[in-house]
Amino acid sequence: MDLENGSSSTCNSKSKSSHESKVFEFWKTAKDGIAINLCEKNGLLSPPCFTFLHTDLKLKILEFLPGVDVARIGCVSSEFKYLSSNNDLWRKKRPGEV
């Protein structure tokens, strides 16, 4: 059901992708901007954990993994699923590696 128009229709992948991207950007801002700043403001060290790194840094790290490992990491969590499906990340992979 299309809630905006009140009609039944399937979402096209572009609008779904755009919506997912907006949600992810909001989540990224909340996590990277707020959670890490709370630690800093309270004099706490951020935990040494991959999931607490800034999203851009996680994507940079994933660039160094072979394509098969990037695909596997997508099974870990919804965040990693989104990260591993990042089009820019896959464009940087060598054609023979994908």
PDB file of N, CA and C in Angstrom:
ATOM      1  N   MET A   1       0.845  -1.186   0.000  1.00  0.00           N
ATOM      2  CA  MET A   1       0.000   0.000   0.000  1.00  0.00           C
ATOM      3  C   MET A   1       0.878   1.231   0.000  1.00  0.00           C
ATOM      4  N   ASP A   2       0.689   2.110  -0.922  1.00  0.00           N
ATOM      5  CA  ASP A   2       1.427   3.362  -0.981  1.00  0.00           C
ATOM      6  C   ASP A   2       0.760   4.338  -0.021  1.00  0.00           C
ATOM      7  N   LEU A   3       1.435   4.617   1.086  1.00  0.00           N
ATOM      8  CA  LEU A   3       0.834   5.460   2.119  1.00  0.00           C
ATOM      9  C   LEU A   3       0.678   6.909   1.689  1.00  0.00           C
ATOM     10  N   GLU A   4       1.561   7.365   0.833  1.00  0.00           N
ATOM     11  CA  GLU A   4       1.477   8.762   0.398  1.00  0.00           C
ATOM     12  C   GLU A   4       0.289   8.975  -0.537  1.00  0.00           C
ATOM     13  N   ASN A   5       0.064   8.042  -1.453  1.00  0.00           N
ATOM     14  CA  ASN A   5      -0.988   8.217  -2.448  1.00  0.00           C
ATOM     15  C   ASN A   5      -2.242   7.423  -2.124  1.00  0.00           C
ATOM     16  N   GLY A   6      -2.185   6.554  -1.112  1.00  0.00           N
ATOM     17  CA  GLY A   6      -3.340   5.760  -0.741  1.00  0.00           C
ATOM     18  C   GLY A   6      -3.672   4.670  -1.744  1.00  0.00           C
ATOM     19  N   SER A   7      -2.735   4.301  -2.588  1.00  0.00           N
ATOM     20  CA  SER A   7      -2.987   3.258  -3.574  1.00  0.00           C
ATOM     21  C   SER A   7      -2.004   2.120  -3.392  1.00  0.00           C
ATOM     22  N   SER A   8      -2.383   0.979  -3.903  1.00  0.00           N
ATOM     23  CA  SER A   8      -1.522  -0.192  -3.830  1.00  0.00           C
ATOM     24  C   SER A   8      -0.525  -0.133  -4.967  1.00  0.00           C
ATOM     25  N   SER A   9       0.743  -0.199  -4.619  1.00  0.00           N
ATOM     26  CA  SER A   9       1.777  -0.265  -5.643  1.00  0.00           C
ATOM     27  C   SER A   9       3.053  -0.767  -5.002  1.00  0.00           C
ATOM     28  N   THR A  10       3.919  -1.300  -5.826  1.00  0.00           N
ATOM     29  CA  THR A  10       5.196  -1.762  -5.305  1.00  0.00           C
ATOM     30  C   THR A  10       6.192  -0.628  -5.392  1.00  0.00           C
ATOM     31  N   CYS A  11       7.048  -0.549  -4.383  1.00  0.00           N
ATOM     32  CA  CYS A  11       8.091   0.474  -4.392  1.00  0.00           C
ATOM     33  C   CYS A  11       9.120   0.096  -5.436  1.00  0.00           C
ATOM     34  N   ASN A  12       9.560   1.074  -6.198  1.00  0.00           N
ATOM     35  CA  ASN A  12      10.648   0.750  -7.099  1.00  0.00           C
ATOM     36  C   ASN A  12      11.949   0.775  -6.301  1.00  0.00           C
ATOM     37  N   SER A  13      12.940   0.088  -6.799  1.00  0.00           N
ATOM     38  CA  SER A  13      14.177  -0.069  -6.037  1.00  0.00           C
ATOM     39  C   SER A  13      14.890   1.261  -5.810  1.00  0.00           C
ATOM     40  N   LYS A  14      14.722   2.206  -6.717  1.00  0.00           N
ATOM     41  CA  LYS A  14      15.390   3.493  -6.552  1.00  0.00           C
ATOM     42  C   LYS A  14      14.829   4.258  -5.358  1.00  0.00           C
ATOM     43  N   SER A  15      13.507   4.295  -5.216  1.00  0.00           N
ATOM     44  CA  SER A  15      12.926   5.017  -4.088  1.00  0.00           C
ATOM     45  C   SER A  15      13.207   4.284  -2.786  1.00  0.00           C
ATOM     46  N   LYS A  16      13.208   2.955  -2.814  1.00  0.00           N
ATOM     47  CA  LYS A  16      13.539   2.180  -1.622  1.00  0.00           C
ATOM     48  C   LYS A  16      14.984   2.451  -1.230  1.00  0.00           C
ATOM     49  N   SER A  17      15.864   2.441  -2.206  1.00  0.00           N
ATOM     50  CA  SER A  17      17.273   2.700  -1.950  1.00  0.00           C
ATOM     51  C   SER A  17      17.465   4.111  -1.393  1.00  0.00           C
ATOM     52  N   SER A  18      16.743   5.071  -1.934  1.00  0.00           N
ATOM     53  CA  SER A  18      16.831   6.445  -1.458  1.00  0.00           C
ATOM     54  C   SER A  18      16.347   6.546  -0.021  1.00  0.00           C
ATOM     55  N   HIS A  19      15.244   5.868   0.277  1.00  0.00           N
ATOM     56  CA  HIS A  19      14.707   5.865   1.640  1.00  0.00           C
ATOM     57  C   HIS A  19      15.699   5.204   2.598  1.00  0.00           C
ATOM     58  N   GLU A  20      16.239   4.055   2.222  1.00  0.00           N
ATOM     59  CA  GLU A  20      17.211   3.363   3.062  1.00  0.00           C
ATOM     60  C   GLU A  20      18.434   4.230   3.287  1.00  0.00           C
ATOM     61  N   SER A  21      18.849   4.922   2.251  1.00  0.00           N
ATOM     62  CA  SER A  21      20.007   5.803   2.365  1.00  0.00           C
ATOM     63  C   SER A  21      19.751   6.941   3.344  1.00  0.00           C
ATOM     64  N   LYS A  22      18.552   7.522   3.298  1.00  0.00           N
ATOM     65  CA  LYS A  22      18.214   8.605   4.225  1.00  0.00           C
ATOM     66  C   LYS A  22      18.161   8.109   5.662  1.00  0.00           C
ATOM     67  N   VAL A  23      17.593   6.929   5.858  1.00  0.00           N
ATOM     68  CA  VAL A  23      17.532   6.348   7.198  1.00  0.00           C
ATOM     69  C   VAL A  23      18.944   6.059   7.699  1.00  0.00           C
ATOM     70  N   PHE A  24      19.770   5.506   6.829  1.00  0.00           N
ATOM     71  CA  PHE A  24      21.136   5.197   7.227  1.00  0.00           C
ATOM     72  C   PHE A  24      21.914   6.467   7.562  1.00  0.00           C
ATOM     73  N   GLU A  25      21.744   7.517   6.784  1.00  0.00           N
ATOM     74  CA  GLU A  25      22.431   8.775   7.067  1.00  0.00           C
ATOM     75  C   GLU A  25      21.994   9.344   8.419  1.00  0.00           C
ATOM     76  N   PHE A  26      20.697   9.247   8.721  1.00  0.00           N
ATOM     77  CA  PHE A  26      20.211   9.699  10.023  1.00  0.00           C
ATOM     78  C   PHE A  26      20.848   8.876  11.138  1.00  0.00           C
ATOM     79  N   TRP A  27      20.851   7.549  10.951  1.00  0.00           N
ATOM     80  CA  TRP A  27      21.432   6.660  11.950  1.00  0.00           C
ATOM     81  C   TRP A  27      22.916   6.950  12.127  1.00  0.00           C
ATOM     82  N   LYS A  28      23.619   7.154  11.009  1.00  0.00           N
ATOM     83  CA  LYS A  28      25.052   7.446  11.042  1.00  0.00           C
ATOM     84  C   LYS A  28      25.311   8.736  11.821  1.00  0.00           C
ATOM     85  N   THR A  29      24.513   9.763  11.584  1.00  0.00           N
ATOM     86  CA  THR A  29      24.668  11.028  12.294  1.00  0.00           C
ATOM     87  C   THR A  29      24.419  10.842  13.780  1.00  0.00           C
ATOM     88  N   ALA A  30      23.373  10.104  14.099  1.00  0.00           N
ATOM     89  CA  ALA A  30      23.059   9.884  15.511  1.00  0.00           C
ATOM     90  C   ALA A  30      24.164   9.093  16.198  1.00  0.00           C
ATOM     91  N   LYS A  31      24.604   8.016  15.574  1.00  0.00           N
ATOM     92  CA  LYS A  31      25.614   7.163  16.196  1.00  0.00           C
ATOM     93  C   LYS A  31      26.978   7.840  16.227  1.00  0.00           C
ATOM     94  N   ASP A  32      27.425   8.295  15.070  1.00  0.00           N
ATOM     95  CA  ASP A  32      28.767   8.868  14.990  1.00  0.00           C
ATOM     96  C   ASP A  32      28.842  10.230  15.657  1.00  0.00           C
ATOM     97  N   GLY A  33      27.813  11.018  15.504  1.00  0.00           N
ATOM     98  CA  GLY A  33      27.851  12.368  16.038  1.00  0.00           C
ATOM     99  C   GLY A  33      27.491  12.482  17.499  1.00  0.00           C
ATOM    100  N   ILE A  34      26.503  11.732  17.934  1.00  0.00           N
ATOM    101  CA  ILE A  34      26.007  11.887  19.304  1.00  0.00           C
ATOM    102  C   ILE A  34      26.692  10.942  20.275  1.00  0.00           C
ATOM    103  N   ALA A  35      26.699   9.656  19.974  1.00  0.00           N
ATOM    104  CA  ALA A  35      27.232   8.671  20.916  1.00  0.00           C
ATOM    105  C   ALA A  35      28.709   8.916  21.221  1.00  0.00           C
ATOM    106  N   ILE A  36      29.487   9.184  20.204  1.00  0.00           N
ATOM    107  CA  ILE A  36      30.917   9.400  20.423  1.00  0.00           C
ATOM    108  C   ILE A  36      31.147  10.715  21.161  1.00  0.00           C
ATOM    109  N   ASN A  37      30.374  11.747  20.837  1.00  0.00           N
ATOM    110  CA  ASN A  37      30.515  13.018  21.546  1.00  0.00           C
ATOM    111  C   ASN A  37      30.157  12.886  23.016  1.00  0.00           C
ATOM    112  N   LEU A  38      29.174  12.035  23.354  1.00  0.00           N
ATOM    113  CA  LEU A  38      28.820  11.821  24.754  1.00  0.00           C
ATOM    114  C   LEU A  38      29.997  11.250  25.534  1.00  0.00           C
ATOM    115  N   CYS A  39      30.708  10.337  24.939  1.00  0.00           N
ATOM    116  CA  CYS A  39      31.894   9.776  25.600  1.00  0.00           C
ATOM    117  C   CYS A  39      32.930  10.870  25.823  1.00  0.00           C
ATOM    118  N   GLU A  40      33.190  11.651  24.788  1.00  0.00           N
ATOM    119  CA  GLU A  40      34.196  12.713  24.888  1.00  0.00           C
ATOM    120  C   GLU A  40      33.806  13.755  25.931  1.00  0.00           C
ATOM    121  N   LYS A  41      32.556  14.175  25.937  1.00  0.00           N
ATOM    122  CA  LYS A  41      32.093  15.203  26.875  1.00  0.00           C
ATOM    123  C   LYS A  41      32.167  14.744  28.323  1.00  0.00           C
ATOM    124  N   ASN A  42      32.052  13.446  28.548  1.00  0.00           N
ATOM    125  CA  ASN A  42      32.094  12.911  29.900  1.00  0.00           C
ATOM    126  C   ASN A  42      33.466  12.365  30.282  1.00  0.00           C
ATOM    127  N   GLY A  43      34.457  12.653  29.452  1.00  0.00           N
ATOM    128  CA  GLY A  43      35.817  12.236  29.756  1.00  0.00           C
ATOM    129  C   GLY A  43      36.047  10.738  29.654  1.00  0.00           C
ATOM    130  N   LEU A  44      35.199  10.064  28.877  1.00  0.00           N
ATOM    131  CA  LEU A  44      35.331   8.622  28.718  1.00  0.00           C
ATOM    132  C   LEU A  44      35.992   8.295  27.389  1.00  0.00           C
ATOM    133  N   LEU A  45      36.753   7.232  27.387  1.00  0.00           N
ATOM    134  CA  LEU A  45      37.334   6.766  26.135  1.00  0.00           C
ATOM    135  C   LEU A  45      36.288   5.963  25.383  1.00  0.00           C
ATOM    136  N   SER A  46      36.277   6.098  24.081  1.00  0.00           N
ATOM    137  CA  SER A  46      35.385   5.268  23.277  1.00  0.00           C
ATOM    138  C   SER A  46      35.890   3.835  23.333  1.00  0.00           C
ATOM    139  N   PRO A  47      35.004   2.875  23.420  1.00  0.00           N
ATOM    140  CA  PRO A  47      35.432   1.476  23.470  1.00  0.00           C
ATOM    141  C   PRO A  47      36.193   1.096  22.196  1.00  0.00           C
ATOM    142  N   PRO A  48      37.241   0.299  22.341  1.00  0.00           N
ATOM    143  CA  PRO A  48      38.014  -0.109  21.155  1.00  0.00           C
ATOM    144  C   PRO A  48      37.269  -1.206  20.395  1.00  0.00           C
ATOM    145  N   CYS A  49      36.357  -0.806  19.574  1.00  0.00           N
ATOM    146  CA  CYS A  49      35.498  -1.761  18.886  1.00  0.00           C
ATOM    147  C   CYS A  49      35.219  -1.249  17.477  1.00  0.00           C
ATOM    148  N   PHE A  50      35.249  -2.151  16.511  1.00  0.00           N
ATOM    149  CA  PHE A  50      35.001  -1.778  15.121  1.00  0.00           C
ATOM    150  C   PHE A  50      33.658  -1.080  14.955  1.00  0.00           C
ATOM    151  N   THR A  51      32.646  -1.544  15.672  1.00  0.00           N
ATOM    152  CA  THR A  51      31.310  -0.976  15.508  1.00  0.00           C
ATOM    153  C   THR A  51      31.208   0.456  16.015  1.00  0.00           C
ATOM    154  N   PHE A  52      32.144   0.894  16.840  1.00  0.00           N
ATOM    155  CA  PHE A  52      32.110   2.264  17.344  1.00  0.00           C
ATOM    156  C   PHE A  52      32.925   3.231  16.491  1.00  0.00           C
ATOM    157  N   LEU A  53      33.563   2.729  15.444  1.00  0.00           N
ATOM    158  CA  LEU A  53      34.296   3.614  14.546  1.00  0.00           C
ATOM    159  C   LEU A  53      33.307   4.418  13.715  1.00  0.00           C
ATOM    160  N   HIS A  54      33.746   5.554  13.222  1.00  0.00           N
ATOM    161  CA  HIS A  54      32.905   6.346  12.331  1.00  0.00           C
ATOM    162  C   HIS A  54      32.613   5.531  11.076  1.00  0.00           C
ATOM    163  N   THR A  55      31.450   5.728  10.524  1.00  0.00           N
ATOM    164  CA  THR A  55      30.996   4.961   9.371  1.00  0.00           C
ATOM    165  C   THR A  55      31.948   5.096   8.191  1.00  0.00           C
ATOM    166  N   ASP A  56      32.434   6.288   7.942  1.00  0.00           N
ATOM    167  CA  ASP A  56      33.354   6.485   6.822  1.00  0.00           C
ATOM    168  C   ASP A  56      34.632   5.677   7.004  1.00  0.00           C
ATOM    169  N   LEU A  57      35.105   5.573   8.232  1.00  0.00           N
ATOM    170  CA  LEU A  57      36.304   4.788   8.507  1.00  0.00           C
ATOM    171  C   LEU A  57      36.027   3.298   8.315  1.00  0.00           C
ATOM    172  N   LYS A  58      34.853   2.838   8.722  1.00  0.00           N
ATOM    173  CA  LYS A  58      34.491   1.429   8.511  1.00  0.00           C
ATOM    174  C   LYS A  58      34.466   1.102   7.020  1.00  0.00           C
ATOM    175  N   LEU A  59      33.905   2.015   6.211  1.00  0.00           N
ATOM    176  CA  LEU A  59      33.877   1.787   4.768  1.00  0.00           C
ATOM    177  C   LEU A  59      35.290   1.754   4.199  1.00  0.00           C
ATOM    178  N   LYS A  60      36.151   2.612   4.701  1.00  0.00           N
ATOM    179  CA  LYS A  60      37.542   2.632   4.228  1.00  0.00           C
ATOM    180  C   LYS A  60      38.231   1.311   4.556  1.00  0.00           C
ATOM    181  N   ILE A  61      37.984   0.781   5.742  1.00  0.00           N
ATOM    182  CA  ILE A  61      38.565  -0.504   6.130  1.00  0.00           C
ATOM    183  C   ILE A  61      38.030  -1.623   5.234  1.00  0.00           C
ATOM    184  N   LEU A  62      36.737  -1.590   4.941  1.00  0.00           N
ATOM    185  CA  LEU A  62      36.149  -2.622   4.084  1.00  0.00           C
ATOM    186  C   LEU A  62      36.723  -2.605   2.670  1.00  0.00           C
ATOM    187  N   GLU A  63      37.243  -1.466   2.234  1.00  0.00           N
ATOM    188  CA  GLU A  63      37.865  -1.388   0.913  1.00  0.00           C
ATOM    189  C   GLU A  63      39.055  -2.334   0.794  1.00  0.00           C
ATOM    190  N   PHE A  64      39.706  -2.623   1.896  1.00  0.00           N
ATOM    191  CA  PHE A  64      40.902  -3.467   1.875  1.00  0.00           C
ATOM    192  C   PHE A  64      40.584  -4.962   1.918  1.00  0.00           C
ATOM    193  N   LEU A  65      39.347  -5.315   2.209  1.00  0.00           N
ATOM    194  CA  LEU A  65      38.959  -6.722   2.261  1.00  0.00           C
ATOM    195  C   LEU A  65      38.647  -7.254   0.869  1.00  0.00           C
ATOM    196  N   PRO A  66      38.900  -8.526   0.653  1.00  0.00           N
ATOM    197  CA  PRO A  66      38.469  -9.134  -0.614  1.00  0.00           C
ATOM    198  C   PRO A  66      36.945  -9.078  -0.717  1.00  0.00           C
ATOM    199  N   GLY A  67      36.432  -9.045  -1.937  1.00  0.00           N
ATOM    200  CA  GLY A  67      34.999  -8.942  -2.163  1.00  0.00           C
ATOM    201  C   GLY A  67      34.192 -10.008  -1.449  1.00  0.00           C
ATOM    202  N   VAL A  68      34.704 -11.232  -1.416  1.00  0.00           N
ATOM    203  CA  VAL A  68      33.977 -12.324  -0.766  1.00  0.00           C
ATOM    204  C   VAL A  68      33.819 -12.059   0.734  1.00  0.00           C
ATOM    205  N   ASP A  69      34.832 -11.464   1.351  1.00  0.00           N
ATOM    206  CA  ASP A  69      34.741 -11.151   2.780  1.00  0.00           C
ATOM    207  C   ASP A  69      33.799  -9.986   3.050  1.00  0.00           C
ATOM    208  N   VAL A  70      33.758  -9.034   2.139  1.00  0.00           N
ATOM    209  CA  VAL A  70      32.810  -7.921   2.276  1.00  0.00           C
ATOM    210  C   VAL A  70      31.385  -8.471   2.219  1.00  0.00           C
ATOM    211  N   ALA A  71      31.158  -9.408   1.315  1.00  0.00           N
ATOM    212  CA  ALA A  71      29.829 -10.018   1.211  1.00  0.00           C
ATOM    213  C   ALA A  71      29.492 -10.796   2.486  1.00  0.00           C
ATOM    214  N   ARG A  72      30.465 -11.492   3.042  1.00  0.00           N
ATOM    215  CA  ARG A  72      30.224 -12.269   4.270  1.00  0.00           C
ATOM    216  C   ARG A  72      29.918 -11.381   5.464  1.00  0.00           C
ATOM    217  N   ILE A  73      30.599 -10.254   5.558  1.00  0.00           N
ATOM    218  CA  ILE A  73      30.386  -9.378   6.716  1.00  0.00           C
ATOM    219  C   ILE A  73      28.969  -8.813   6.723  1.00  0.00           C
ATOM    220  N   GLY A  74      28.336  -8.787   5.561  1.00  0.00           N
ATOM    221  CA  GLY A  74      26.956  -8.320   5.476  1.00  0.00           C
ATOM    222  C   GLY A  74      25.977  -9.192   6.242  1.00  0.00           C
ATOM    223  N   CYS A  75      26.393 -10.394   6.603  1.00  0.00           N
ATOM    224  CA  CYS A  75      25.526 -11.310   7.364  1.00  0.00           C
ATOM    225  C   CYS A  75      25.602 -11.072   8.870  1.00  0.00           C
ATOM    226  N   VAL A  76      26.493 -10.210   9.323  1.00  0.00           N
ATOM    227  CA  VAL A  76      26.726 -10.010  10.748  1.00  0.00           C
ATOM    228  C   VAL A  76      25.613  -9.212  11.414  1.00  0.00           C
ATOM    229  N   SER A  77      25.222  -8.109  10.794  1.00  0.00           N
ATOM    230  CA  SER A  77      24.206  -7.238  11.391  1.00  0.00           C
ATOM    231  C   SER A  77      23.578  -6.379  10.301  1.00  0.00           C
ATOM    232  N   SER A  78      22.521  -5.676  10.662  1.00  0.00           N
ATOM    233  CA  SER A  78      21.877  -4.811   9.668  1.00  0.00           C
ATOM    234  C   SER A  78      22.801  -3.665   9.259  1.00  0.00           C
ATOM    235  N   GLU A  79      23.608  -3.173  10.199  1.00  0.00           N
ATOM    236  CA  GLU A  79      24.558  -2.115   9.840  1.00  0.00           C
ATOM    237  C   GLU A  79      25.573  -2.633   8.832  1.00  0.00           C
ATOM    238  N   PHE A  80      26.132  -3.808   9.081  1.00  0.00           N
ATOM    239  CA  PHE A  80      27.121  -4.358   8.157  1.00  0.00           C
ATOM    240  C   PHE A  80      26.494  -4.760   6.836  1.00  0.00           C
ATOM    241  N   LYS A  81      25.231  -5.148   6.869  1.00  0.00           N
ATOM    242  CA  LYS A  81      24.537  -5.452   5.617  1.00  0.00           C
ATOM    243  C   LYS A  81      24.473  -4.197   4.754  1.00  0.00           C
ATOM    244  N   TYR A  82      24.125  -3.076   5.388  1.00  0.00           N
ATOM    245  CA  TYR A  82      24.051  -1.831   4.639  1.00  0.00           C
ATOM    246  C   TYR A  82      25.438  -1.407   4.159  1.00  0.00           C
ATOM    247  N   LEU A  83      26.435  -1.483   5.047  1.00  0.00           N
ATOM    248  CA  LEU A  83      27.800  -1.101   4.667  1.00  0.00           C
ATOM    249  C   LEU A  83      28.301  -1.956   3.512  1.00  0.00           C
ATOM    250  N   SER A  84      28.064  -3.256   3.597  1.00  0.00           N
ATOM    251  CA  SER A  84      28.589  -4.157   2.571  1.00  0.00           C
ATOM    252  C   SER A  84      27.840  -4.026   1.244  1.00  0.00           C
ATOM    253  N   SER A  85      26.691  -3.382   1.238  1.00  0.00           N
ATOM    254  CA  SER A  85      25.961  -3.188  -0.014  1.00  0.00           C
ATOM    255  C   SER A  85      26.185  -1.782  -0.584  1.00  0.00           C
ATOM    256  N   ASN A  86      27.141  -1.061  -0.041  1.00  0.00           N
ATOM    257  CA  ASN A  86      27.447   0.291  -0.497  1.00  0.00           C
ATOM    258  C   ASN A  86      28.004   0.256  -1.924  1.00  0.00           C
ATOM    259  N   ASN A  87      27.339   0.921  -2.839  1.00  0.00           N
ATOM    260  CA  ASN A  87      27.752   0.913  -4.245  1.00  0.00           C
ATOM    261  C   ASN A  87      29.146   1.480  -4.457  1.00  0.00           C
ATOM    262  N   ASP A  88      29.495   2.529  -3.740  1.00  0.00           N
ATOM    263  CA  ASP A  88      30.832   3.123  -3.895  1.00  0.00           C
ATOM    264  C   ASP A  88      31.923   2.138  -3.480  1.00  0.00           C
ATOM    265  N   LEU A  89      31.652   1.372  -2.454  1.00  0.00           N
ATOM    266  CA  LEU A  89      32.613   0.367  -2.000  1.00  0.00           C
ATOM    267  C   LEU A  89      32.854  -0.669  -3.093  1.00  0.00           C
ATOM    268  N   TRP A  90      31.793  -1.157  -3.711  1.00  0.00           N
ATOM    269  CA  TRP A  90      31.939  -2.184  -4.734  1.00  0.00           C
ATOM    270  C   TRP A  90      32.553  -1.632  -6.018  1.00  0.00           C
ATOM    271  N   ARG A  91      32.334  -0.361  -6.306  1.00  0.00           N
ATOM    272  CA  ARG A  91      32.961   0.238  -7.500  1.00  0.00           C
ATOM    273  C   ARG A  91      34.477   0.268  -7.360  1.00  0.00           C
ATOM    274  N   LYS A  92      34.965   0.320  -6.131  1.00  0.00           N
ATOM    275  CA  LYS A  92      36.412   0.392  -5.887  1.00  0.00           C
ATOM    276  C   LYS A  92      37.077  -0.987  -5.950  1.00  0.00           C
ATOM    277  N   LYS A  93      36.276  -2.040  -5.934  1.00  0.00           N
ATOM    278  CA  LYS A  93      36.812  -3.388  -6.017  1.00  0.00           C
ATOM    279  C   LYS A  93      37.242  -3.670  -7.454  1.00  0.00           C
ATOM    280  N   ARG A  94      38.285  -4.471  -7.596  1.00  0.00           N
ATOM    281  CA  ARG A  94      38.737  -4.863  -8.931  1.00  0.00           C
ATOM    282  C   ARG A  94      37.716  -5.798  -9.570  1.00  0.00           C
ATOM    283  N   PRO A  95      37.488  -5.671 -10.868  1.00  0.00           N
ATOM    284  CA  PRO A  95      36.475  -6.507 -11.535  1.00  0.00           C
ATOM    285  C   PRO A  95      36.670  -8.012 -11.291  1.00  0.00           C
ATOM    286  N   GLY A  96      37.875  -8.494 -11.266  1.00  0.00           N
ATOM    287  CA  GLY A  96      38.121  -9.910 -11.055  1.00  0.00           C
ATOM    288  C   GLY A  96      37.853 -10.361  -9.647  1.00  0.00           C
ATOM    289  N   GLU A  97      37.789  -9.404  -8.734  1.00  0.00           N
ATOM    290  CA  GLU A  97      37.597  -9.709  -7.329  1.00  0.00           C
ATOM    291  C   GLU A  97      36.127  -9.852  -6.974  1.00  0.00           C
ATOM    292  N   VAL A  98      35.257  -9.227  -7.738  1.00  0.00           N
ATOM    293  CA  VAL A  98      33.825  -9.245  -7.456  1.00  0.00           C
ATOM    294  C   VAL A  98      33.277 -10.487  -8.028  1.00  0.00           C
TER     295      VAL A  98
END
